[in-house]
Protein backbone atom coordinates (compact mmCIF):
# COMPACT_ATOMS: atom_id res chain seq x y z
CA MET A 1 14.26 -13.27 28.43
CA ALA A 2 17.02 -12.15 26.12
CA ALA A 3 19.11 -14.83 24.54
CA GLN A 4 22.34 -14.45 22.66
CA GLY A 5 22.31 -15.58 19.04
CA GLY A 6 25.94 -16.66 19.00
CA ALA A 7 29.04 -15.10 20.51
CA ALA A 8 30.16 -13.71 17.19
CA PRO A 9 28.66 -12.96 13.78
CA SER A 10 28.46 -15.96 11.46
CA THR A 11 29.09 -16.07 7.74
CA TYR A 12 26.61 -17.39 5.19
CA THR A 13 28.56 -16.84 1.97
CA PRO A 14 27.25 -18.97 -0.92
CA THR A 15 29.36 -21.69 -2.48
CA PRO A 16 32.11 -20.14 -4.64
CA THR A 17 31.71 -20.37 -8.40
CA LYS A 18 34.31 -21.97 -10.66
CA LYS A 19 35.66 -18.60 -11.78
CA THR A 20 39.26 -18.12 -10.66
CA GLN A 21 39.69 -14.53 -11.81
CA ARG A 22 37.55 -11.57 -10.89
CA SER A 23 36.36 -9.47 -13.80
CA PRO A 24 36.81 -5.69 -13.63
CA PHE A 25 34.13 -3.46 -12.17
CA PHE A 26 33.70 -1.54 -15.41
CA SER A 27 34.17 -3.16 -18.80
CA ASP A 28 36.65 -0.49 -19.88
CA SER A 29 38.58 -0.43 -16.61
CA ASP A 30 42.26 -1.34 -16.57
CA VAL A 31 42.30 -1.80 -12.81
CA ASP A 32 40.65 -4.62 -10.87
CA TRP A 33 37.91 -3.27 -8.60
CA LEU A 34 37.74 -4.06 -4.89
CA ARG A 35 34.61 -3.77 -2.76
CA PRO A 36 34.78 -0.93 -0.20
CA ASP A 37 34.70 -3.35 2.75
CA GLY A 38 37.24 -5.74 1.23
CA ARG A 39 34.84 -8.64 0.57
CA GLY A 40 34.85 -10.79 -2.52
CA PHE A 41 32.05 -10.29 -5.03
CA HIS A 42 30.23 -13.40 -3.80
CA GLN A 43 31.04 -12.98 -0.12
CA CYS A 44 28.31 -11.96 2.35
CA ARG A 45 28.77 -9.83 5.43
CA PRO A 46 28.94 -11.69 8.77
CA ALA A 47 25.44 -12.04 10.23
CA PHE A 48 24.57 -11.66 13.90
CA PHE A 49 21.14 -12.36 15.43
CA ARG A 50 19.74 -12.09 18.94
CA THR A 51 16.19 -12.86 20.06
CA GLY A 52 14.34 -11.39 23.02
CA ALA A 53 15.64 -7.88 22.35
CA VAL A 54 12.39 -6.14 23.43
CA ASN A 55 10.94 -7.35 26.73
CA SER A 56 7.52 -5.72 26.23
CA ALA A 57 6.89 -7.52 22.92
CA ALA A 58 5.46 -11.00 22.41
CA GLY A 59 8.58 -11.72 20.39
CA SER A 60 11.51 -9.73 19.07
CA ALA A 61 14.85 -9.99 17.35
CA TYR A 62 17.91 -7.89 16.62
CA ALA A 63 20.03 -8.33 13.49
CA GLU A 64 23.37 -6.88 12.54
CA PHE A 65 24.88 -7.33 9.08
CA GLY A 66 27.96 -5.14 8.92
CA ASN A 67 26.72 -1.56 9.37
CA THR A 68 23.08 -2.54 8.82
CA LYS A 69 21.36 -2.81 12.19
CA VAL A 70 17.68 -3.72 12.60
CA ILE A 71 15.35 -4.50 15.49
CA VAL A 72 11.91 -6.08 15.05
CA SER A 73 9.09 -6.37 17.59
CA VAL A 74 6.02 -8.60 17.27
CA PHE A 75 2.76 -8.02 19.16
CA GLY A 76 -0.23 -10.35 19.23
CA PRO A 77 -2.18 -12.23 18.19
CA ARG A 78 -4.71 -9.80 19.57
CA GLU A 79 -8.26 -8.82 18.72
CA SER A 80 -8.35 -6.54 15.72
CA LYS A 81 -9.23 -2.93 16.48
CA LYS A 82 -10.95 -2.61 13.13
CA ALA A 83 -14.52 -3.84 12.79
CA MET A 84 -14.25 -6.75 10.43
CA VAL A 85 -16.40 -9.64 9.28
CA TYR A 86 -15.46 -12.94 10.85
CA SER A 87 -12.66 -14.61 8.96
CA ASP A 88 -11.17 -18.06 9.25
CA VAL A 89 -7.70 -16.57 8.94
CA GLY A 90 -5.83 -13.97 10.93
CA ARG A 91 -4.50 -10.61 9.77
CA LEU A 92 -0.86 -9.60 9.47
CA ASN A 93 0.10 -5.96 9.86
CA CYS A 94 3.65 -4.85 9.00
CA ASN A 95 5.42 -1.54 9.43
CA VAL A 96 9.00 -0.62 8.54
CA SER A 97 10.47 2.65 9.75
CA TYR A 98 13.86 4.32 9.99
CA THR A 99 15.34 6.22 12.90
CA THR A 100 16.35 9.82 12.25
CA PHE A 101 20.00 8.79 12.55
CA ALA A 102 19.76 5.64 10.37
CA ASN A 103 20.88 7.31 7.14
CA PRO A 104 24.03 9.30 6.38
CA ALA A 105 21.73 12.27 5.71
CA ARG A 106 20.48 12.96 9.22
CA GLY A 107 16.87 13.77 9.97
CA LEU A 108 15.33 11.54 7.29
CA GLY A 109 13.79 8.95 9.61
CA SER A 110 10.24 7.97 8.65
CA ASP A 111 7.92 5.11 7.80
CA ASN A 112 8.70 3.31 4.56
CA LYS A 113 5.39 2.26 3.00
CA GLU A 114 7.02 0.38 0.13
CA PHE A 115 9.20 -1.69 2.47
CA SER A 116 6.22 -2.28 4.77
CA SER A 117 4.22 -3.73 1.87
CA MET A 118 7.14 -5.88 0.71
CA LEU A 119 7.72 -7.17 4.25
CA HIS A 120 4.06 -8.18 4.42
CA LYS A 121 4.25 -10.02 1.10
CA ALA A 122 7.44 -11.83 2.08
CA LEU A 123 6.06 -13.07 5.41
CA GLU A 124 2.38 -13.69 4.67
CA GLY A 125 2.93 -16.94 2.78
CA ALA A 126 5.05 -18.40 5.59
CA ILE A 127 2.62 -17.75 8.46
CA MET A 128 -0.21 -20.13 9.35
CA LEU A 129 -2.83 -17.39 9.44
CA GLU A 130 -5.60 -19.92 10.08
CA THR A 131 -4.19 -20.54 13.57
CA PHE A 132 -5.35 -17.14 14.85
CA PRO A 133 -8.72 -16.30 13.21
CA LYS A 134 -10.20 -12.80 13.57
CA THR A 135 -7.07 -11.54 15.31
CA THR A 136 -4.10 -9.49 14.23
CA VAL A 137 -0.36 -9.93 14.52
CA ASP A 138 1.61 -6.68 14.33
CA VAL A 139 5.20 -6.64 13.12
CA PHE A 140 7.16 -3.44 13.70
CA ALA A 141 10.62 -3.20 12.15
CA LEU A 142 12.96 -0.34 12.99
CA VAL A 143 16.15 0.24 11.00
CA LEU A 144 18.64 1.62 13.50
CA GLU A 145 21.41 2.03 10.95
CA SER A 146 21.16 1.78 7.18
CA GLY A 147 24.26 0.13 5.76
CA GLY A 148 22.83 -1.44 2.62
CA SER A 149 20.60 -4.44 1.82
CA ASP A 150 18.20 -3.12 4.47
CA LEU A 151 15.05 -4.93 3.31
CA PRO A 152 16.40 -8.51 3.21
CA VAL A 153 17.89 -7.96 6.68
CA VAL A 154 14.53 -6.64 7.93
CA ILE A 155 12.68 -9.65 6.49
CA SER A 156 15.08 -12.20 7.97
CA CYS A 157 14.99 -10.46 11.35
CA ALA A 158 11.17 -10.23 11.28
CA SER A 159 10.90 -13.95 10.57
CA LEU A 160 13.06 -14.68 13.59
CA ALA A 161 10.96 -12.33 15.75
CA LEU A 162 7.77 -14.13 14.69
CA ALA A 163 9.30 -17.46 15.67
CA ASP A 164 10.37 -15.95 19.00
CA ALA A 165 6.75 -14.86 19.55
CA GLY A 166 5.54 -18.42 19.02
CA ILE A 167 3.62 -17.61 15.84
CA MET A 168 2.97 -20.79 13.87
CA MET A 169 4.92 -20.76 10.60
CA TYR A 170 5.54 -23.18 7.78
CA ASP A 171 9.20 -22.23 7.80
CA LEU A 172 11.55 -19.36 8.56
CA VAL A 173 11.95 -16.75 5.84
CA ALA A 174 15.46 -15.70 4.82
CA GLY A 175 16.20 -12.82 2.46
CA VAL A 176 19.26 -12.01 0.34
CA SER A 177 19.91 -9.43 -2.37
CA VAL A 178 22.34 -9.20 -5.28
CA SER A 179 23.39 -6.11 -7.23
CA CYS A 180 24.60 -5.98 -10.81
CA LEU A 181 27.46 -3.53 -11.36
CA GLY A 182 28.80 -3.58 -14.88
CA ARG A 183 29.55 -7.20 -15.73
CA ASN A 184 29.77 -8.25 -12.09
CA LEU A 185 27.28 -9.63 -9.61
CA ILE A 186 27.87 -8.72 -5.98
CA ILE A 187 25.93 -10.31 -3.15
CA ASP A 188 24.72 -8.53 -0.02
CA PRO A 189 25.61 -5.01 -1.31
CA ILE A 190 26.37 -2.16 1.05
CA LEU A 191 24.85 1.31 0.70
CA GLU A 192 27.65 2.68 -1.49
CA GLU A 193 27.37 -0.25 -3.91
CA GLU A 194 23.59 0.08 -4.14
CA SER A 195 23.94 3.70 -5.20
CA PHE A 196 25.96 2.63 -8.27
CA GLN A 197 24.11 -0.56 -9.21
CA ASP A 198 22.74 -1.13 -12.70
CA GLY A 199 20.17 -3.60 -11.43
CA SER A 200 19.18 -5.48 -8.29
CA MET A 201 17.51 -8.71 -7.27
CA MET A 202 16.09 -9.72 -3.91
CA ILE A 203 14.82 -13.19 -3.07
CA THR A 204 13.07 -14.19 0.13
CA CYS A 205 12.37 -17.86 0.59
CA MET A 206 11.53 -20.68 2.96
CA PRO A 207 14.75 -22.68 2.61
CA SER A 208 13.53 -25.94 4.16
CA ARG A 209 10.58 -26.03 1.74
CA TYR A 210 12.58 -24.52 -1.13
CA GLU A 211 9.75 -22.06 -1.78
CA VAL A 212 10.21 -18.44 -2.81
CA THR A 213 7.91 -16.01 -0.98
CA GLN A 214 9.01 -12.91 -2.89
CA LEU A 215 11.17 -12.03 -5.88
CA THR A 216 11.91 -8.43 -6.85
CA ILE A 217 14.04 -7.36 -9.79
CA THR A 218 15.06 -3.92 -11.03
CA GLY A 219 17.11 -3.00 -14.10
CA GLU A 220 17.89 -5.04 -17.18
CA TRP A 221 19.21 -8.59 -16.85
CA SER A 222 20.43 -11.19 -19.31
CA THR A 223 19.10 -14.72 -18.86
CA ALA A 224 22.53 -15.97 -17.79
CA LYS A 225 22.98 -13.22 -15.18
CA LEU A 226 19.44 -13.75 -13.92
CA ASN A 227 20.01 -17.46 -13.37
CA GLU A 228 23.37 -16.85 -11.70
CA ALA A 229 21.94 -14.20 -9.37
CA MET A 230 19.01 -16.43 -8.38
CA GLN A 231 21.33 -19.31 -7.56
CA LEU A 232 23.57 -17.03 -5.50
CA CYS A 233 20.57 -15.76 -3.51
CA LEU A 234 19.05 -19.19 -2.92
CA ASP A 235 22.37 -20.67 -1.83
CA ALA A 236 23.00 -17.80 0.59
CA CYS A 237 19.42 -18.02 1.94
CA SER A 238 19.94 -21.70 2.72
CA LYS A 239 23.08 -20.93 4.71
CA LEU A 240 21.53 -17.91 6.42
CA ASP A 241 18.64 -20.14 7.51
CA LYS A 242 21.08 -22.32 9.46
CA ILE A 243 22.39 -19.29 11.35
CA MET A 244 18.84 -18.21 12.18
CA ARG A 245 17.93 -21.68 13.44
CA ALA A 246 21.07 -21.81 15.55
CA CYS A 247 19.98 -18.55 17.18
CA LEU A 248 16.57 -20.01 18.05
CA GLU A 249 18.14 -23.19 19.40
CA GLU A 250 20.48 -21.20 21.65
CA ALA A 251 17.56 -19.09 22.88
CA ALA A 252 15.54 -22.24 23.69
CA SER A 253 18.50 -23.78 25.53
CA ALA A 254 19.08 -20.59 27.53
CA SER A 255 15.43 -20.43 28.60
CA GLN A 256 15.58 -23.97 29.95
CA ASP A 257 18.65 -23.30 32.09
């Protein structure tokens, strides 16, 4: 049964830093730069979640972060179709794909093998695979609209879908990304910002256990920027986790009524 994950999107912006003035986008710029959607550099987009989005699935979730819209379906555990030697742990299969209308350039919808592999790595450490030996859990993520920071949204939504399916997990997995543009760090970048970034960082973690399940970094980073970006991501993940848990609690309450 579908359950609403809150009447309105919730914010999960990390705790503001002590800086009172915003540095310019480019080091040689005379004009202060504003993000296209009007957010502050360390301000995340409002997050909206809903579980039970796909009735035919064992569990599912829908996530909307600004213009980024994702739906994830979970099937299983079910007997693996592949002939495999008996194993004490189960198997996780992940697939991330885009609709043909997800990107500004129409007709580019397809499976994303890189994102599928990264989704698997982010979730595998959080799932109690030993609870479903010799069976497979399939996670299918579909990006309905690509608005930036697609992968962390997919990972967070997939974690919620697994919980909705009743899959035993050590903790929920929340994902957040940060882009480096010039001297500035911007959290939860949109598509336009990602196209101009000098570097990027994505962290997925189990906030309650304070364990990182995946860390990806591109570009060149100074030690100071690296530490600042990691703290921004971890702080935002912790707050995003609370929104995800609130969604599950509302779903559980609705099912009892």
